[in-house]
Amino acid sequence: MDLKSCEINKKSIAEIIIEISPEEFRGAIVKVYNKNKNNISVQGFRKGKVPLKMIEKIYGDSVFNNDAFELLLPDVHNYMTDELKLKFIGQPQVTDVDVKDGNNGVDVMIKATVYPKVTLGEYKGLSAARPDAQVFDSEIDQGIELTRKRNARIEKTSRPATEGDVVLIDAKGFIDGEPFEGGEMQDYEFTLGSSRLIPGFEKSITGMSAGEEREIDLVFPNDYIERLAGKPVVFRVKMNEVKEKILPDLDDEFAKDVSEFDTFEEYRASIREAMEAQRKTDSDDAFEGALLEKIIGSMEADIPDILVERQMDNSANDINRQITSHGMDPSEYMKMMNTTSEEVRENTRDSSEQQVRTLLALEKISELEGFVVSSEDIESEYNENAGKLGIEVAKLKESVPEEAVVVDLKRRKALKCVVDNAVEEGPASGASLSEAMGEESSQGPIIAENAQVEENAQVEENTPVEENTPVEENAPVEENAPVEGNAPVEGNAP
């Protein structure tokens, strides 16, 4: 078996021709013949005694070619991986087979995506700013205040509604004096100031008391649903109920109600500790991210489309899991956000390619540094993750192959190598941690949110998948290869 040619294009697609020698192919034919000869009947011969030449004369020289070729496929794959040192992503495809006349062997044409060649610049001695991880008293107070608001009592009140009150309304919308589809809601409950409805709606009903009715003139935003965008609308609103939030006192009883601590001071100290731990993690992540950005910025690699597409699938699945965790159906959420699952997935393309480049860079560093992973490291990783997930180690091993664990551990070693050899700069003047991490403020939906979704719940559309996702798959050659819209306005919300 020999390599006749191998051409790799800029997207790491390889077109390979492997030559199987006449002796190898004939040997495979003999093996297939010996396996099947007891099932072949020819007049004048006992079963199992018909010579190979006689069978080929009766049924044709190619009678066993297909089976012989399938028998050789594993050898072809092993030759490409072991001798040619090719690493495949997905399954190589046999595109053509040329069985030469006169028993002169076989040429096998194969198309496959190969693991890209990665060339790195400097990855040691890099410098980056580490954002300040300090936690201020005001931030702790804000965190406690949020918990306080979540634990407020809700009581009806006769006074006019103000921001922060929970209101229950009926509303019906009219365009040019006519009601429109999706413009009516009954007993809709929300918090004033939560920005759940179109701009101007909540402000216009602030100050209404229970039983009061009011007409409000608004204009749908230009980026709203196409059939309504930019149109003037009149809503007839009735205030059914106004409920105020009675905040609990910040004392020991509050601490006991919302935490495991007996005193408010202990509870406050625990909030500080948790925030400091999270802030340090965020600062570390930002520092690591800045270093990795420099590494992949000087990295050269032809990224195969299949790796980016897989990462996009993983990112889209992560988004769906986040939406589901907030108690909402992903398809309904997409309608409410006037988008589709396909658009959300496509929006992850740039971040997915960035993630793929990061993983490839870390794997290349691991290769250059010669990092190894011991069996003890692997077993420890399985035990730790099984404990976190609350499942048996054996079950985890069934779903997560050892190779994926090894790859992930090597990446972590590579990242540690980068960080340990980096130069830490002071935080950029005036830069916040969120700015250093490249976070953007979230933009809420234009139309009313589903009442079951938490008011402050956010779904991140660029969430990266976990780093233990393997980026390559050394799959065998396929053995069966032949030898020859706009979302509707919610019915209960303007």
Protein backbone atom coordinates (compact mmCIF):
# COMPACT_ATOMS: atom_id res chain seq x y z
CA MET A 1 0.00 0.00 0.00
CA ASP A 2 1.46 3.36 -1.08
CA LEU A 3 0.51 7.03 -1.19
CA LYS A 4 0.03 8.11 -4.77
CA SER A 5 -0.95 11.72 -4.03
CA CYS A 6 -2.26 13.95 -1.24
CA GLU A 7 -3.45 17.51 -1.79
CA ILE A 8 -4.79 19.66 1.08
CA ASN A 9 -6.65 22.89 0.34
CA LYS A 10 -7.03 26.02 2.48
CA LYS A 11 -9.99 24.60 4.37
CA SER A 12 -7.99 21.51 5.38
CA ILE A 13 -9.87 19.31 2.89
CA ALA A 14 -7.56 16.53 1.72
CA GLU A 15 -7.90 14.66 -1.57
CA ILE A 16 -5.91 11.47 -1.26
CA ILE A 17 -5.14 8.62 -3.64
CA ILE A 18 -3.96 5.39 -2.03
CA GLU A 19 -2.56 2.62 -4.22
CA ILE A 20 -3.29 -0.94 -3.14
CA SER A 21 -0.77 -3.34 -4.63
CA PRO A 22 -1.85 -6.30 -6.81
CA GLU A 23 -0.60 -8.72 -4.14
CA GLU A 24 -2.60 -7.00 -1.38
CA PHE A 25 -5.79 -6.92 -3.41
CA ARG A 26 -5.43 -10.51 -4.62
CA GLY A 27 -4.79 -11.62 -1.04
CA ALA A 28 -8.04 -9.93 0.04
CA ILE A 29 -9.92 -11.66 -2.79
CA VAL A 30 -8.56 -15.03 -1.66
CA LYS A 31 -9.70 -14.33 1.91
CA VAL A 32 -13.21 -13.44 0.70
CA TYR A 33 -13.27 -16.57 -1.48
CA ASN A 34 -12.23 -18.81 1.42
CA LYS A 35 -14.92 -17.24 3.61
CA ASN A 36 -17.69 -17.80 1.05
CA LYS A 37 -16.65 -20.91 -0.91
CA ASN A 38 -18.80 -23.30 1.14
CA ASN A 39 -21.89 -21.37 0.05
CA ILE A 40 -21.12 -21.50 -3.69
CA SER A 41 -22.67 -24.25 -5.85
CA VAL A 42 -21.38 -25.08 -9.32
CA GLN A 43 -22.51 -28.13 -11.26
CA GLY A 44 -19.84 -30.80 -11.27
CA PHE A 45 -18.21 -29.60 -8.03
CA ARG A 46 -18.93 -30.31 -4.41
CA LYS A 47 -19.66 -27.28 -2.20
CA GLY A 48 -16.45 -25.74 -0.99
CA LYS A 49 -14.40 -27.37 -3.75
CA VAL A 50 -15.02 -24.93 -6.59
CA PRO A 51 -11.66 -23.33 -7.50
CA LEU A 52 -11.41 -19.55 -7.34
CA LYS A 53 -10.44 -19.36 -11.02
CA MET A 54 -13.54 -21.32 -11.98
CA ILE A 55 -15.81 -18.98 -9.98
CA GLU A 56 -14.18 -15.92 -11.60
CA LYS A 57 -14.58 -17.51 -15.03
CA ILE A 58 -18.28 -18.17 -14.46
CA TYR A 59 -19.25 -15.00 -12.61
CA GLY A 60 -16.58 -12.62 -13.87
CA ASP A 61 -13.19 -11.46 -12.57
CA SER A 62 -14.78 -8.80 -10.36
CA VAL A 63 -17.11 -11.13 -8.50
CA PHE A 64 -15.29 -10.66 -5.18
CA ASN A 65 -13.99 -7.10 -5.74
CA ASN A 66 -16.54 -5.28 -3.58
CA ASP A 67 -16.09 -7.59 -0.60
CA ALA A 68 -12.30 -7.57 -1.01
CA PHE A 69 -12.24 -3.79 -1.04
CA GLU A 70 -14.40 -3.56 2.10
CA LEU A 71 -12.04 -6.03 3.76
CA LEU A 72 -9.12 -3.71 2.99
CA LEU A 73 -10.77 -0.49 4.18
CA PRO A 74 -9.50 -0.74 7.78
CA ASP A 75 -5.99 -1.26 6.39
CA VAL A 76 -6.39 1.82 4.20
CA HIS A 77 -7.47 3.86 7.24
CA ASN A 78 -4.60 2.55 9.38
CA TYR A 79 -2.13 3.32 6.61
CA MET A 80 -3.30 6.95 6.43
CA THR A 81 -3.22 7.47 10.19
CA ASP A 82 -0.19 5.36 11.17
CA GLU A 83 2.09 5.70 8.15
CA LEU A 84 1.01 9.06 6.72
CA LYS A 85 0.27 10.53 10.20
CA LEU A 86 -2.98 12.10 9.01
CA LYS A 87 -5.55 13.07 11.66
CA PHE A 88 -9.12 13.12 10.42
CA ILE A 89 -12.11 15.17 11.53
CA GLY A 90 -15.24 13.18 10.87
CA GLN A 91 -15.32 10.25 8.47
CA PRO A 92 -13.16 10.11 5.36
CA GLN A 93 -15.26 9.46 2.25
CA VAL A 94 -14.27 7.08 -0.53
CA THR A 95 -15.13 9.03 -3.68
CA ASP A 96 -13.93 6.55 -6.31
CA VAL A 97 -12.20 3.18 -6.72
CA ASP A 98 -10.22 2.24 -9.80
CA VAL A 99 -9.60 -1.51 -10.10
CA LYS A 100 -6.89 -1.72 -12.74
CA ASP A 101 -7.09 -4.25 -15.55
CA GLY A 102 -4.81 -7.23 -15.58
CA ASN A 103 -4.63 -7.60 -11.80
CA ASN A 104 -2.54 -4.44 -11.47
CA GLY A 105 -3.91 -3.33 -8.13
CA VAL A 106 -6.40 -0.69 -7.04
CA ASP A 107 -6.36 3.10 -6.70
CA VAL A 108 -8.59 4.42 -3.93
CA MET A 109 -9.68 8.08 -4.09
CA ILE A 110 -10.54 9.55 -0.67
CA LYS A 111 -11.80 12.95 0.40
CA ALA A 112 -11.44 13.91 4.06
CA THR A 113 -11.20 16.86 6.40
CA VAL A 114 -7.88 16.69 8.19
CA TYR A 115 -6.73 18.25 11.40
CA PRO A 116 -5.25 21.64 10.42
CA LYS A 117 -1.59 22.47 10.66
CA VAL A 118 -1.19 25.03 13.46
CA THR A 119 1.70 27.48 13.62
CA LEU A 120 2.02 29.65 16.74
CA GLY A 121 3.92 32.81 17.50
CA GLU A 122 5.15 33.53 21.00
CA TYR A 123 3.06 32.07 23.80
CA LYS A 124 5.46 32.60 26.70
CA GLY A 125 6.36 35.95 28.21
CA LEU A 126 3.17 37.63 26.99
CA SER A 127 1.79 40.57 28.94
CA ALA A 128 -1.79 41.54 29.69
CA ALA A 129 -3.71 43.66 32.16
CA ARG A 130 -5.45 41.90 35.03
CA PRO A 131 -8.68 43.71 35.93
CA ASP A 132 -9.11 44.89 39.50
CA ALA A 133 -10.99 42.26 41.51
CA GLN A 134 -11.81 44.53 44.44
CA VAL A 135 -15.34 44.30 45.85
CA PHE A 136 -16.83 47.55 47.21
CA ASP A 137 -19.27 47.87 50.08
CA SER A 138 -21.79 49.45 47.72
CA GLU A 139 -21.78 46.31 45.57
CA ILE A 140 -22.46 44.13 48.59
CA ASP A 141 -25.30 46.44 49.55
CA GLN A 142 -26.73 46.17 46.05
CA GLY A 143 -26.59 42.38 46.18
CA ILE A 144 -28.34 42.29 49.53
CA GLU A 145 -30.95 44.76 48.28
CA LEU A 146 -31.77 42.48 45.36
CA THR A 147 -32.32 39.59 47.77
CA ARG A 148 -34.39 41.88 49.95
CA LYS A 149 -36.62 42.81 47.01
CA ARG A 150 -37.06 39.18 46.02
CA ASN A 151 -38.27 38.43 49.55
CA ALA A 152 -40.66 41.38 49.77
CA ARG A 153 -44.29 40.87 50.74
CA ILE A 154 -46.80 41.84 48.07
CA GLU A 155 -49.90 43.66 49.34
CA LYS A 156 -52.76 45.44 47.57
CA THR A 157 -52.84 49.20 47.87
CA SER A 158 -55.34 51.91 46.97
CA ARG A 159 -52.71 54.52 46.15
CA PRO A 160 -51.62 55.36 42.58
CA ALA A 161 -49.11 52.98 41.01
CA THR A 162 -45.42 53.92 41.15
CA GLU A 163 -42.28 52.32 39.79
CA GLY A 164 -41.59 49.02 41.52
CA ASP A 165 -45.26 48.23 42.13
CA VAL A 166 -46.80 45.04 40.76
CA VAL A 167 -49.81 45.91 38.61
CA LEU A 168 -52.58 43.85 37.02
CA ILE A 169 -54.07 45.39 33.87
CA ASP A 170 -56.39 44.85 30.92
CA ALA A 171 -55.33 46.50 27.68
CA LYS A 172 -56.57 46.62 24.10
CA GLY A 173 -54.72 48.27 21.25
CA PHE A 174 -56.16 50.10 18.22
CA ILE A 175 -54.50 51.19 14.98
CA ASP A 176 -56.52 53.71 12.95
CA GLY A 177 -59.40 53.00 15.27
CA GLU A 178 -59.37 49.23 14.62
CA PRO A 179 -58.17 46.49 17.01
CA PHE A 180 -55.24 44.45 15.73
CA GLU A 181 -54.18 40.86 16.16
CA GLY A 182 -52.16 40.25 19.31
CA GLY A 183 -52.93 43.69 20.74
CA GLU A 184 -55.13 42.62 23.63
CA MET A 185 -54.32 41.21 27.06
CA GLN A 186 -56.39 40.34 30.11
CA ASP A 187 -55.22 40.41 33.74
CA TYR A 188 -51.62 40.87 32.68
CA GLU A 189 -49.33 41.18 35.72
CA PHE A 190 -45.90 42.79 35.71
CA THR A 191 -43.68 45.13 37.69
CA LEU A 192 -43.66 48.78 36.69
CA GLY A 193 -40.16 49.73 35.63
CA SER A 194 -39.23 46.25 34.39
CA SER A 195 -39.32 47.43 30.72
CA ARG A 196 -41.39 44.45 29.68
CA LEU A 197 -43.63 46.39 27.30
CA ILE A 198 -43.04 48.70 24.35
CA PRO A 199 -41.32 52.03 25.14
CA GLY A 200 -43.61 54.54 26.80
CA PHE A 201 -46.30 52.07 27.88
CA GLU A 202 -45.24 51.66 31.50
CA LYS A 203 -44.52 55.36 31.98
CA SER A 204 -47.96 56.21 30.60
CA ILE A 205 -49.83 54.06 33.13
CA THR A 206 -47.73 55.11 36.12
CA GLY A 207 -49.94 57.01 38.52
CA MET A 208 -53.11 55.04 37.76
CA SER A 209 -55.11 53.63 40.69
CA ALA A 210 -57.10 50.39 40.85
CA GLY A 211 -60.33 50.73 38.84
CA GLU A 212 -59.03 53.66 36.77
CA GLU A 213 -59.17 53.57 32.96
CA ARG A 214 -56.97 55.51 30.56
CA GLU A 215 -56.20 55.84 26.83
CA ILE A 216 -52.53 56.16 25.93
CA ASP A 217 -51.05 57.18 22.57
CA LEU A 218 -47.82 55.45 21.58
CA VAL A 219 -45.80 54.53 18.49
CA PHE A 220 -44.42 51.05 17.87
CA PRO A 221 -40.60 51.05 17.57
CA ASN A 222 -39.14 51.02 14.05
CA ASP A 223 -37.39 47.73 14.77
CA TYR A 224 -40.62 46.06 15.92
CA ILE A 225 -42.54 43.36 14.03
CA GLU A 226 -42.74 44.46 10.40
CA ARG A 227 -46.53 44.76 10.18
CA LEU A 228 -46.59 47.08 13.23
CA ALA A 229 -43.20 48.82 13.13
CA GLY A 230 -43.41 52.62 13.30
CA LYS A 231 -47.21 52.73 13.45
CA PRO A 232 -49.13 54.95 15.90
CA VAL A 233 -51.25 52.94 18.35
CA VAL A 234 -53.84 53.76 21.00
CA PHE A 235 -54.16 51.47 24.02
CA ARG A 236 -57.22 51.47 26.24
CA VAL A 237 -55.96 50.40 29.63
CA LYS A 238 -57.82 49.47 32.80
CA MET A 239 -55.87 49.19 36.06
CA ASN A 240 -57.32 46.17 37.88
CA GLU A 241 -54.96 46.03 40.85
CA VAL A 242 -51.98 47.84 42.31
CA LYS A 243 -49.78 45.89 44.72
CA GLU A 244 -46.86 47.32 46.62
CA LYS A 245 -43.77 45.47 47.78
CA ILE A 246 -43.18 45.60 51.54
CA LEU A 247 -39.46 45.15 52.07
CA PRO A 248 -38.25 43.17 55.11
CA ASP A 249 -35.96 44.81 57.67
CA LEU A 250 -32.27 44.02 57.30
CA ASP A 251 -31.80 42.25 60.62
CA ASP A 252 -30.94 38.83 62.02
CA GLU A 253 -34.40 37.47 61.17
CA PHE A 254 -33.88 38.42 57.55
CA ALA A 255 -30.51 36.63 57.54
CA LYS A 256 -32.12 33.49 58.98
CA ASP A 257 -34.89 33.58 56.36
CA VAL A 258 -32.62 33.94 53.32
CA SER A 259 -29.48 32.07 54.38
CA GLU A 260 -27.94 29.50 56.68
CA PHE A 261 -26.58 32.19 59.00
CA ASP A 262 -28.00 33.34 62.34
CA THR A 263 -26.91 36.97 62.22
CA PHE A 264 -27.05 39.67 59.59
CA GLU A 265 -23.32 40.37 59.95
CA GLU A 266 -22.47 36.73 59.23
CA TYR A 267 -24.77 36.80 56.23
CA ARG A 268 -23.20 40.02 54.92
CA ALA A 269 -19.70 38.56 55.38
CA SER A 270 -20.74 35.50 53.36
CA ILE A 271 -21.96 37.75 50.54
CA ARG A 272 -18.61 39.53 50.50
CA GLU A 273 -16.74 36.22 50.45
CA ALA A 274 -18.84 34.89 47.56
CA MET A 275 -18.51 38.12 45.58
CA GLU A 276 -14.76 38.26 46.12
CA ALA A 277 -14.40 34.66 44.95
CA GLN A 278 -16.47 35.35 41.85
CA ARG A 279 -14.65 38.61 41.15
CA LYS A 280 -11.29 36.82 41.36
CA THR A 281 -12.56 34.14 38.97
CA ASP A 282 -13.77 36.82 36.56
CA SER A 283 -10.46 38.65 36.83
CA ASP A 284 -8.52 35.45 36.16
CA ASP A 285 -10.77 34.66 33.18
CA ALA A 286 -10.26 38.15 31.75
CA PHE A 287 -6.48 37.88 32.16
CA GLU A 288 -6.41 34.45 30.53
CA GLY A 289 -8.71 35.67 27.75
CA ALA A 290 -6.44 38.60 26.97
CA LEU A 291 -3.42 36.29 26.74
CA LEU A 292 -5.25 33.80 24.52
CA GLU A 293 -6.40 36.61 22.27
CA LYS A 294 -2.76 37.54 21.64
CA ILE A 295 -1.85 33.91 20.96
CA ILE A 296 -4.60 33.27 18.42
CA GLY A 297 -3.98 36.70 16.89
CA SER A 298 -0.53 35.53 15.73
CA MET A 299 -1.59 31.95 15.05
CA GLU A 300 -1.70 30.54 11.53
CA ALA A 301 -4.17 27.74 10.75
CA ASP A 302 -6.70 26.88 8.05
CA ILE A 303 -9.77 26.22 10.16
CA PRO A 304 -12.04 23.52 8.68
CA ASP A 305 -15.67 24.53 8.34
CA ILE A 306 -16.80 21.35 10.10
CA LEU A 307 -15.10 22.40 13.36
CA VAL A 308 -16.82 25.78 13.33
CA GLU A 309 -20.18 24.21 12.47
CA ARG A 310 -19.86 21.73 15.35
CA GLN A 311 -18.98 24.52 17.74
CA MET A 312 -21.99 26.51 16.53
CA ASP A 313 -24.20 23.50 17.26
CA ASN A 314 -22.79 23.28 20.77
CA SER A 315 -23.26 27.00 21.36
CA ALA A 316 -26.85 26.89 20.12
CA ASN A 317 -27.55 23.92 22.41
CA ASP A 318 -26.09 25.85 25.34
CA ILE A 319 -28.39 28.78 24.60
CA ASN A 320 -31.41 26.48 24.48
CA ARG A 321 -30.41 24.96 27.82
CA GLN A 322 -30.14 28.42 29.36
CA ILE A 323 -33.60 29.38 28.08
CA THR A 324 -35.06 26.13 29.39
CA SER A 325 -33.41 26.66 32.78
CA HIS A 326 -35.38 29.91 33.07
CA GLY A 327 -38.62 27.98 32.67
CA MET A 328 -39.35 28.87 29.06
CA ASP A 329 -39.69 26.92 25.84
CA PRO A 330 -36.86 27.89 23.43
CA SER A 331 -39.17 28.05 20.39
CA GLU A 332 -41.55 30.39 22.22
CA TYR A 333 -38.63 32.54 23.37
CA MET A 334 -37.40 32.81 19.76
CA LYS A 335 -40.84 34.00 18.64
CA MET A 336 -40.95 36.54 21.43
CA MET A 337 -37.50 37.85 20.45
CA ASN A 338 -38.58 38.02 16.80
CA THR A 339 -35.84 35.65 15.74
CA THR A 340 -35.34 31.99 14.84
CA SER A 341 -33.14 29.21 16.15
CA GLU A 342 -31.26 29.32 12.84
CA GLU A 343 -30.49 33.04 13.27
CA VAL A 344 -29.40 32.53 16.88
CA ARG A 345 -27.09 29.72 15.77
CA GLU A 346 -25.68 31.84 12.94
CA ASN A 347 -25.00 34.67 15.40
CA THR A 348 -22.55 32.39 17.19
CA ARG A 349 -20.38 31.88 14.09
CA ASP A 350 -17.65 34.42 14.96
CA SER A 351 -17.41 33.39 18.61
CA SER A 352 -17.46 29.71 17.59
CA GLU A 353 -14.53 30.18 15.22
CA GLN A 354 -12.71 32.07 17.97
CA GLN A 355 -13.35 29.20 20.37
CA VAL A 356 -12.08 26.64 17.86
CA ARG A 357 -8.91 28.67 17.32
CA THR A 358 -8.39 28.87 21.07
CA LEU A 359 -8.73 25.11 21.53
CA LEU A 360 -6.41 24.39 18.60
CA ALA A 361 -3.83 26.81 20.00
CA LEU A 362 -3.93 25.17 23.43
CA GLU A 363 -3.55 21.72 21.90
CA LYS A 364 -0.57 22.92 19.86
CA ILE A 365 1.05 24.36 23.00
CA SER A 366 0.49 21.04 24.76
CA GLU A 367 2.16 19.26 21.84
CA LEU A 368 5.13 21.64 21.80
CA GLU A 369 5.61 21.37 25.56
CA GLY A 370 5.25 17.60 25.52
CA PHE A 371 2.60 17.52 28.23
CA VAL A 372 1.46 14.08 29.33
CA VAL A 373 -1.51 13.00 31.43
CA SER A 374 -1.19 10.16 33.90
CA SER A 375 -3.81 7.47 34.52
CA GLU A 376 -4.14 8.91 38.05
CA ASP A 377 -5.00 12.34 36.56
CA ILE A 378 -7.65 10.77 34.34
CA GLU A 379 -9.23 8.79 37.16
CA SER A 380 -9.22 11.83 39.43
CA GLU A 381 -10.97 13.87 36.75
CA TYR A 382 -13.66 11.23 36.31
CA ASN A 383 -14.21 11.00 40.08
CA GLU A 384 -14.39 14.77 40.54
CA ASN A 385 -16.89 15.32 37.72
CA ALA A 386 -19.01 12.32 38.67
CA GLY A 387 -19.27 13.80 42.16
CA LYS A 388 -20.34 17.18 40.78
CA LEU A 389 -22.95 15.59 38.56
CA GLY A 390 -24.14 13.16 41.20
CA ILE A 391 -23.72 10.08 39.02
CA GLU A 392 -21.67 6.90 39.12
CA VAL A 393 -18.16 7.09 37.70
CA ALA A 394 -18.93 4.13 35.44
CA LYS A 395 -21.89 6.01 33.95
CA LEU A 396 -19.75 9.06 33.27
CA LYS A 397 -17.13 6.92 31.56
CA GLU A 398 -19.82 5.55 29.25
CA SER A 399 -20.70 9.03 28.01
CA VAL A 400 -17.29 10.74 28.15
CA PRO A 401 -14.48 8.84 26.42
CA GLU A 402 -11.05 8.81 28.01
CA GLU A 403 -9.56 10.52 24.96
CA ALA A 404 -11.76 13.59 25.58
CA VAL A 405 -10.60 13.75 29.20
CA VAL A 406 -6.95 13.55 28.14
CA VAL A 407 -7.41 16.32 25.57
CA ASP A 408 -9.11 18.57 28.13
CA LEU A 409 -6.44 18.00 30.77
CA LYS A 410 -3.69 18.77 28.28
CA ARG A 411 -5.43 22.00 27.31
CA ARG A 412 -5.58 23.03 30.93
CA LYS A 413 -1.88 22.31 31.33
CA ALA A 414 -1.23 24.44 28.25
CA LEU A 415 -3.29 27.33 29.61
CA LYS A 416 -1.47 27.12 32.94
CA CYS A 417 1.82 27.23 31.07
CA VAL A 418 0.74 30.42 29.28
CA VAL A 419 -0.46 32.10 32.48
CA ASP A 420 2.54 31.03 34.59
CA ASN A 421 4.91 32.52 32.03
CA ALA A 422 2.94 35.72 31.46
CA VAL A 423 3.74 39.22 32.70
CA GLU A 424 0.92 40.81 34.64
CA GLU A 425 0.19 44.46 33.94
CA GLY A 426 -1.90 46.73 36.14
CA PRO A 427 -5.57 47.22 35.27
CA ALA A 428 -6.25 49.72 32.52
CA SER A 429 -7.07 53.17 33.88
CA GLY A 430 -10.79 53.55 34.41
CA ALA A 431 -11.58 50.11 33.00
CA SER A 432 -14.17 48.00 34.73
CA LEU A 433 -13.99 44.24 35.00
CA SER A 434 -16.93 43.82 32.62
CA GLU A 435 -15.19 46.04 30.05
CA ALA A 436 -11.99 44.07 30.38
CA MET A 437 -13.92 40.86 29.77
CA GLY A 438 -15.62 42.32 26.71
CA GLU A 439 -19.12 42.00 28.13
CA GLU A 440 -21.98 43.94 26.61
CA SER A 441 -25.10 45.11 28.32
CA SER A 442 -28.01 42.85 27.55
CA GLN A 443 -30.95 44.15 25.62
CA GLY A 444 -34.34 42.96 26.75
CA PRO A 445 -37.14 41.92 24.39
CA ILE A 446 -39.31 44.60 22.85
CA ILE A 447 -42.60 42.83 23.47
CA ALA A 448 -43.82 41.59 26.81
CA GLU A 449 -41.94 38.67 28.29
CA ASN A 450 -43.62 35.48 29.37
CA ALA A 451 -44.79 35.96 32.94
CA GLN A 452 -43.00 32.80 34.05
CA VAL A 453 -39.58 34.11 33.09
CA GLU A 454 -37.68 35.77 35.95
CA GLU A 455 -37.50 39.51 35.53
CA ASN A 456 -33.72 39.66 35.61
CA ALA A 457 -33.07 36.47 33.64
CA GLN A 458 -30.72 36.92 30.71
CA VAL A 459 -29.80 34.49 27.97
CA GLU A 460 -26.29 34.92 26.65
CA GLU A 461 -26.16 34.30 22.94
CA ASN A 462 -22.40 33.92 22.73
CA THR A 463 -21.88 31.43 25.48
CA PRO A 464 -18.86 29.24 24.66
CA VAL A 465 -19.10 25.54 25.08
CA GLU A 466 -17.06 23.84 27.72
CA GLU A 467 -13.44 23.32 26.88
CA ASN A 468 -13.66 19.56 27.16
CA THR A 469 -15.46 19.36 23.83
CA PRO A 470 -13.10 17.39 21.57
CA VAL A 471 -12.29 19.14 18.32
CA GLU A 472 -11.19 16.17 16.32
CA GLU A 473 -12.47 12.70 15.73
CA ASN A 474 -10.28 10.04 14.17
CA ALA A 475 -13.10 8.12 12.59
CA PRO A 476 -12.62 5.10 10.32
CA VAL A 477 -13.25 5.27 6.60
CA GLU A 478 -16.89 4.50 5.88
CA GLU A 479 -17.05 0.82 5.09
CA ASN A 480 -20.23 1.07 3.04
CA ALA A 481 -18.69 3.21 0.34
CA PRO A 482 -19.48 1.79 -3.14
CA VAL A 483 -16.64 0.58 -5.34
CA GLU A 484 -18.19 2.35 -8.40
CA GLY A 485 -40.14 34.47 9.11
CA ASN A 486 -41.54 37.14 11.29
CA ALA A 487 -42.81 36.37 14.84
CA PRO A 488 -46.43 37.20 15.72
CA VAL A 489 -47.27 39.67 18.43
CA GLU A 490 -47.99 37.77 21.60
CA GLY A 491 -51.70 37.38 22.13
CA ASN A 492 -51.52 38.62 25.71
CA ALA A 493 -49.09 41.51 25.37
CA PRO A 494 -48.68 44.74 23.42
